[in-house]
Amino acid sequence: MMTHAWRWLTPLLLAMFFSVPLAQAAEPTQQSGSVQIMEEFQKAQNDQDGANRALSDKDKHRIMFLLGIPLLLCILITAGLGIAMVVYGKQVFTAHMIFAGLSLTLVVAHVVAGMVWFYPF
């Protein structure tokens, strides 16, 4: 039973397997693979460079403002949790440390973005 299926399936599979490389080899105008890959990479690099230059100062200030809002909230929450621990004796040390870590992460992102975008080198 199984050999009967392979008798008609094998030539079909071989024909499909060998037809794809033959169809690709029939196009002599196509460049070699490595040259085409390098050209696509250069195109992508040029597009990316253009996208980096397209960011205006207004957009940069907006991004810095949007980074500052959660930064300010995290700092206020961290301070509130610290006051709750010290003044009221609440057991919120883990939450306090999590928000302190988030605040530090946002501070570093804010400083790096500000130095890269606005510091006159």
N, C-alpha and C. Protein backbone atom coordinates (compact mmCIF):
# COMPACT_ATOMS: atom_id res chain seq x y z
N MET A 1 0.82 -1.18 0.00
CA MET A 1 0.00 0.00 0.00
C MET A 1 0.88 1.26 0.00
N MET A 2 1.87 1.29 0.88
CA MET A 2 2.72 2.46 0.98
C MET A 2 3.61 2.61 -0.25
N THR A 3 4.06 1.53 -0.82
CA THR A 3 4.95 1.62 -1.98
C THR A 3 4.20 2.14 -3.20
N HIS A 4 2.91 1.85 -3.30
CA HIS A 4 2.14 2.35 -4.42
C HIS A 4 2.06 3.89 -4.39
N ALA A 5 1.92 4.46 -3.20
CA ALA A 5 1.85 5.91 -3.06
C ALA A 5 3.19 6.55 -3.41
N TRP A 6 4.26 5.92 -3.02
CA TRP A 6 5.58 6.48 -3.31
C TRP A 6 5.92 6.41 -4.79
N ARG A 7 5.33 5.49 -5.54
CA ARG A 7 5.62 5.37 -6.97
C ARG A 7 5.16 6.60 -7.74
N TRP A 8 4.02 7.17 -7.40
CA TRP A 8 3.57 8.36 -8.12
C TRP A 8 3.98 9.65 -7.41
N LEU A 9 4.31 9.56 -6.08
CA LEU A 9 4.68 10.75 -5.34
C LEU A 9 6.14 11.13 -5.55
N THR A 10 7.01 10.15 -5.73
CA THR A 10 8.44 10.41 -5.91
C THR A 10 8.72 11.25 -7.15
N PRO A 11 8.20 10.91 -8.33
CA PRO A 11 8.49 11.78 -9.49
C PRO A 11 7.94 13.19 -9.31
N LEU A 12 6.81 13.30 -8.65
CA LEU A 12 6.23 14.62 -8.42
C LEU A 12 7.13 15.46 -7.51
N LEU A 13 7.63 14.85 -6.43
CA LEU A 13 8.52 15.56 -5.52
C LEU A 13 9.82 15.93 -6.20
N LEU A 14 10.37 15.03 -7.00
CA LEU A 14 11.61 15.32 -7.72
C LEU A 14 11.40 16.46 -8.71
N ALA A 15 10.29 16.46 -9.40
CA ALA A 15 10.01 17.53 -10.36
C ALA A 15 9.89 18.87 -9.65
N MET A 16 9.24 18.89 -8.49
CA MET A 16 9.11 20.13 -7.73
C MET A 16 10.46 20.58 -7.21
N PHE A 17 11.27 19.64 -6.75
CA PHE A 17 12.57 19.96 -6.18
C PHE A 17 13.50 20.56 -7.23
N PHE A 18 13.53 19.98 -8.42
CA PHE A 18 14.45 20.43 -9.45
C PHE A 18 13.91 21.60 -10.26
N SER A 19 12.63 21.86 -10.22
CA SER A 19 12.08 22.96 -11.01
C SER A 19 12.39 24.32 -10.39
N VAL A 20 12.50 24.40 -9.09
CA VAL A 20 12.76 25.68 -8.43
C VAL A 20 14.16 26.19 -8.76
N PRO A 21 15.24 25.40 -8.61
CA PRO A 21 16.56 25.93 -8.98
C PRO A 21 16.67 26.22 -10.48
N LEU A 22 16.01 25.45 -11.32
CA LEU A 22 16.07 25.71 -12.75
C LEU A 22 15.38 27.02 -13.09
N ALA A 23 14.30 27.32 -12.43
CA ALA A 23 13.59 28.56 -12.69
C ALA A 23 14.42 29.76 -12.24
N GLN A 24 15.15 29.62 -11.16
CA GLN A 24 15.99 30.71 -10.70
C GLN A 24 17.22 30.87 -11.59
N ALA A 25 17.76 29.78 -12.10
CA ALA A 25 18.93 29.86 -12.96
C ALA A 25 18.58 30.42 -14.33
N ALA A 26 17.33 30.42 -14.72
CA ALA A 26 16.91 30.91 -16.02
C ALA A 26 16.93 32.43 -16.10
N GLU A 27 17.05 33.12 -14.98
CA GLU A 27 17.08 34.58 -14.96
C GLU A 27 18.52 35.07 -14.89
N PRO A 28 19.17 35.33 -16.03
CA PRO A 28 20.57 35.75 -15.99
C PRO A 28 20.75 37.21 -15.58
N THR A 29 19.69 38.03 -15.61
CA THR A 29 19.83 39.43 -15.25
C THR A 29 19.91 39.65 -13.74
N GLN A 30 19.56 38.64 -12.98
CA GLN A 30 19.57 38.79 -11.53
C GLN A 30 21.01 38.78 -11.01
N GLN A 31 21.31 39.67 -10.07
CA GLN A 31 22.66 39.77 -9.52
C GLN A 31 22.92 38.61 -8.57
N SER A 32 24.19 38.44 -8.23
CA SER A 32 24.53 37.37 -7.30
C SER A 32 23.93 37.70 -5.94
N GLY A 33 23.77 36.68 -5.12
CA GLY A 33 23.10 36.83 -3.83
C GLY A 33 23.80 37.78 -2.89
N SER A 34 25.13 37.71 -2.80
CA SER A 34 25.85 38.54 -1.83
C SER A 34 25.81 40.02 -2.23
N VAL A 35 25.88 40.31 -3.52
CA VAL A 35 25.82 41.70 -3.96
C VAL A 35 24.44 42.27 -3.68
N GLN A 36 23.42 41.49 -3.93
CA GLN A 36 22.05 41.94 -3.69
C GLN A 36 21.81 42.17 -2.20
N ILE A 37 22.33 41.30 -1.37
CA ILE A 37 22.18 41.46 0.08
C ILE A 37 22.87 42.72 0.55
N MET A 38 24.08 42.99 0.04
CA MET A 38 24.81 44.20 0.44
C MET A 38 24.07 45.46 0.00
N GLU A 39 23.47 45.44 -1.20
CA GLU A 39 22.72 46.60 -1.65
C GLU A 39 21.50 46.85 -0.77
N GLU A 40 20.81 45.78 -0.39
CA GLU A 40 19.65 45.93 0.49
C GLU A 40 20.08 46.46 1.86
N PHE A 41 21.22 45.98 2.34
CA PHE A 41 21.73 46.45 3.63
C PHE A 41 22.06 47.94 3.55
N GLN A 42 22.70 48.38 2.47
CA GLN A 42 23.03 49.79 2.31
C GLN A 42 21.77 50.65 2.23
N LYS A 43 20.74 50.14 1.52
CA LYS A 43 19.47 50.87 1.43
C LYS A 43 18.85 51.03 2.81
N ALA A 44 18.86 49.94 3.58
CA ALA A 44 18.28 49.99 4.92
C ALA A 44 19.07 50.95 5.81
N GLN A 45 20.39 50.95 5.68
CA GLN A 45 21.23 51.84 6.48
C GLN A 45 20.97 53.29 6.12
N ASN A 46 20.82 53.59 4.85
CA ASN A 46 20.53 54.96 4.43
C ASN A 46 19.16 55.40 4.90
N ASP A 47 18.18 54.50 4.86
CA ASP A 47 16.84 54.83 5.35
C ASP A 47 16.88 55.11 6.85
N GLN A 48 17.67 54.33 7.57
CA GLN A 48 17.77 54.52 9.01
C GLN A 48 18.46 55.85 9.33
N ASP A 49 19.51 56.20 8.59
CA ASP A 49 20.19 57.47 8.81
C ASP A 49 19.25 58.64 8.54
N GLY A 50 18.43 58.53 7.52
CA GLY A 50 17.46 59.57 7.22
C GLY A 50 16.41 59.69 8.31
N ALA A 51 16.02 58.58 8.89
CA ALA A 51 15.02 58.60 9.96
C ALA A 51 15.59 59.26 11.21
N ASN A 52 16.88 59.06 11.49
CA ASN A 52 17.48 59.67 12.67
C ASN A 52 17.58 61.19 12.52
N ARG A 53 17.83 61.66 11.33
CA ARG A 53 17.95 63.09 11.09
C ARG A 53 16.59 63.79 11.07
N ALA A 54 15.53 63.05 10.89
CA ALA A 54 14.21 63.64 10.73
C ALA A 54 13.58 64.07 12.05
N LEU A 55 14.19 63.76 13.18
CA LEU A 55 13.62 64.10 14.48
C LEU A 55 13.92 65.57 14.79
N SER A 56 12.88 66.38 14.90
CA SER A 56 13.08 67.80 15.16
C SER A 56 13.28 68.06 16.65
N ASP A 57 13.69 69.29 16.97
CA ASP A 57 13.89 69.64 18.38
C ASP A 57 12.57 69.60 19.15
N LYS A 58 11.48 69.96 18.48
CA LYS A 58 10.17 69.91 19.13
C LYS A 58 9.81 68.48 19.52
N ASP A 59 10.09 67.52 18.62
CA ASP A 59 9.84 66.11 18.93
C ASP A 59 10.74 65.62 20.06
N LYS A 60 11.98 66.07 20.06
CA LYS A 60 12.91 65.68 21.13
C LYS A 60 12.44 66.20 22.48
N HIS A 61 11.97 67.46 22.51
CA HIS A 61 11.47 68.02 23.76
C HIS A 61 10.22 67.28 24.23
N ARG A 62 9.38 66.89 23.28
CA ARG A 62 8.17 66.14 23.63
C ARG A 62 8.54 64.77 24.23
N ILE A 63 9.52 64.12 23.64
CA ILE A 63 9.97 62.81 24.17
C ILE A 63 10.55 62.98 25.57
N MET A 64 11.35 64.03 25.77
CA MET A 64 11.91 64.26 27.10
C MET A 64 10.81 64.53 28.12
N PHE A 65 9.79 65.29 27.71
CA PHE A 65 8.66 65.56 28.61
C PHE A 65 7.92 64.27 28.94
N LEU A 66 7.71 63.43 27.92
CA LEU A 66 7.00 62.17 28.16
C LEU A 66 7.82 61.20 29.01
N LEU A 67 9.14 61.32 28.98
CA LEU A 67 9.99 60.54 29.90
C LEU A 67 9.92 61.12 31.31
N GLY A 68 9.75 62.43 31.40
CA GLY A 68 9.76 63.09 32.71
C GLY A 68 8.50 62.84 33.52
N ILE A 69 7.37 62.65 32.86
CA ILE A 69 6.12 62.43 33.60
C ILE A 69 6.18 61.15 34.44
N PRO A 70 6.49 59.98 33.85
CA PRO A 70 6.56 58.78 34.70
C PRO A 70 7.73 58.84 35.69
N LEU A 71 8.79 59.56 35.32
CA LEU A 71 9.92 59.72 36.24
C LEU A 71 9.46 60.47 37.50
N LEU A 72 8.75 61.56 37.32
CA LEU A 72 8.26 62.32 38.46
C LEU A 72 7.29 61.50 39.30
N LEU A 73 6.40 60.76 38.65
CA LEU A 73 5.46 59.91 39.39
C LEU A 73 6.18 58.82 40.19
N CYS A 74 7.17 58.19 39.59
CA CYS A 74 7.93 57.15 40.31
C CYS A 74 8.68 57.72 41.50
N ILE A 75 9.24 58.92 41.35
CA ILE A 75 9.95 59.54 42.47
C ILE A 75 8.98 59.88 43.60
N LEU A 76 7.81 60.42 43.24
CA LEU A 76 6.83 60.74 44.28
C LEU A 76 6.31 59.49 44.99
N ILE A 77 6.08 58.42 44.24
CA ILE A 77 5.63 57.17 44.86
C ILE A 77 6.72 56.60 45.75
N THR A 78 7.98 56.65 45.29
CA THR A 78 9.09 56.16 46.10
C THR A 78 9.20 56.95 47.41
N ALA A 79 9.09 58.26 47.31
CA ALA A 79 9.15 59.10 48.51
C ALA A 79 7.98 58.79 49.44
N GLY A 80 6.80 58.63 48.88
CA GLY A 80 5.63 58.31 49.70
C GLY A 80 5.79 56.98 50.41
N LEU A 81 6.31 55.99 49.71
CA LEU A 81 6.54 54.68 50.35
C LEU A 81 7.61 54.77 51.43
N GLY A 82 8.64 55.58 51.19
CA GLY A 82 9.68 55.77 52.20
C GLY A 82 9.13 56.44 53.46
N ILE A 83 8.29 57.44 53.25
CA ILE A 83 7.66 58.12 54.40
C ILE A 83 6.73 57.15 55.13
N ALA A 84 6.01 56.32 54.39
CA ALA A 84 5.11 55.35 55.03
C ALA A 84 5.90 54.36 55.88
N MET A 85 7.10 54.00 55.44
CA MET A 85 7.91 53.07 56.23
C MET A 85 8.44 53.74 57.49
N VAL A 86 8.98 54.95 57.34
CA VAL A 86 9.65 55.61 58.46
C VAL A 86 8.64 56.17 59.47
N VAL A 87 7.66 56.89 58.99
CA VAL A 87 6.76 57.59 59.91
C VAL A 87 5.69 56.64 60.47
N TYR A 88 5.10 55.82 59.60
CA TYR A 88 3.96 55.01 60.01
C TYR A 88 4.31 53.54 60.25
N GLY A 89 5.54 53.14 60.00
CA GLY A 89 5.98 51.77 60.28
C GLY A 89 5.37 50.72 59.35
N LYS A 90 4.99 51.09 58.17
CA LYS A 90 4.40 50.14 57.22
C LYS A 90 5.50 49.25 56.63
N GLN A 91 5.13 48.04 56.25
CA GLN A 91 6.06 47.09 55.67
C GLN A 91 5.95 47.14 54.13
N VAL A 92 6.50 48.17 53.53
CA VAL A 92 6.42 48.37 52.08
C VAL A 92 7.81 48.52 51.47
N PHE A 93 8.80 47.85 52.07
CA PHE A 93 10.17 48.00 51.61
C PHE A 93 10.35 47.48 50.18
N THR A 94 9.73 46.35 49.86
CA THR A 94 9.88 45.77 48.52
C THR A 94 9.31 46.71 47.46
N ALA A 95 8.13 47.23 47.69
CA ALA A 95 7.52 48.17 46.74
C ALA A 95 8.38 49.44 46.63
N HIS A 96 8.91 49.89 47.77
CA HIS A 96 9.78 51.07 47.77
C HIS A 96 11.01 50.84 46.89
N MET A 97 11.63 49.66 47.00
CA MET A 97 12.82 49.36 46.21
C MET A 97 12.49 49.18 44.73
N ILE A 98 11.33 48.63 44.42
CA ILE A 98 10.93 48.47 43.02
C ILE A 98 10.75 49.84 42.37
N PHE A 99 10.05 50.74 43.05
CA PHE A 99 9.86 52.07 42.48
C PHE A 99 11.16 52.87 42.45
N ALA A 100 12.04 52.62 43.40
CA ALA A 100 13.35 53.28 43.35
C ALA A 100 14.14 52.80 42.13
N GLY A 101 14.07 51.51 41.84
CA GLY A 101 14.75 50.98 40.65
C GLY A 101 14.16 51.53 39.36
N LEU A 102 12.82 51.62 39.29
CA LEU A 102 12.18 52.22 38.12
C LEU A 102 12.58 53.68 37.96
N SER A 103 12.64 54.40 39.08
CA SER A 103 13.04 55.80 39.03
C SER A 103 14.46 55.94 38.52
N LEU A 104 15.36 55.11 39.00
CA LEU A 104 16.75 55.17 38.57
C LEU A 104 16.87 54.85 37.08
N THR A 105 16.12 53.89 36.61
CA THR A 105 16.15 53.54 35.19
C THR A 105 15.67 54.70 34.33
N LEU A 106 14.58 55.35 34.74
CA LEU A 106 14.08 56.50 33.99
C LEU A 106 15.04 57.69 34.07
N VAL A 107 15.70 57.86 35.20
CA VAL A 107 16.69 58.94 35.32
C VAL A 107 17.82 58.73 34.34
N VAL A 108 18.33 57.52 34.26
CA VAL A 108 19.44 57.23 33.35
C VAL A 108 19.00 57.44 31.90
N ALA A 109 17.81 56.98 31.53
CA ALA A 109 17.31 57.18 30.17
C ALA A 109 17.14 58.67 29.87
N HIS A 110 16.65 59.43 30.83
CA HIS A 110 16.44 60.86 30.66
C HIS A 110 17.78 61.59 30.47
N VAL A 111 18.76 61.24 31.28
CA VAL A 111 20.08 61.88 31.19
C VAL A 111 20.76 61.54 29.88
N VAL A 112 20.73 60.28 29.48
CA VAL A 112 21.38 59.88 28.23
C VAL A 112 20.73 60.56 27.04
N ALA A 113 19.41 60.57 26.98
CA ALA A 113 18.72 61.24 25.87
C ALA A 113 19.03 62.73 25.86
N GLY A 114 19.05 63.36 27.01
CA GLY A 114 19.36 64.78 27.09
C GLY A 114 20.78 65.09 26.67
N MET A 115 21.73 64.28 27.06
CA MET A 115 23.13 64.50 26.69
C MET A 115 23.33 64.28 25.19
N VAL A 116 22.73 63.27 24.66
CA VAL A 116 22.91 62.97 23.23
C VAL A 116 22.24 64.02 22.36
N TRP A 117 21.04 64.46 22.75
CA TRP A 117 20.29 65.37 21.90
C TRP A 117 20.63 66.84 22.09
N PHE A 118 20.92 67.26 23.32
CA PHE A 118 20.99 68.69 23.59
C PHE A 118 22.34 69.21 24.06
N TYR A 119 23.27 68.35 24.42
CA TYR A 119 24.58 68.82 24.87
C TYR A 119 25.41 69.21 23.64
N PRO A 120 25.95 70.42 23.59
CA PRO A 120 26.70 70.85 22.38
C PRO A 120 28.10 70.25 22.33
N PHE A 121 28.28 69.24 21.54
CA PHE A 121 29.60 68.61 21.41
C PHE A 121 30.42 69.35 20.40
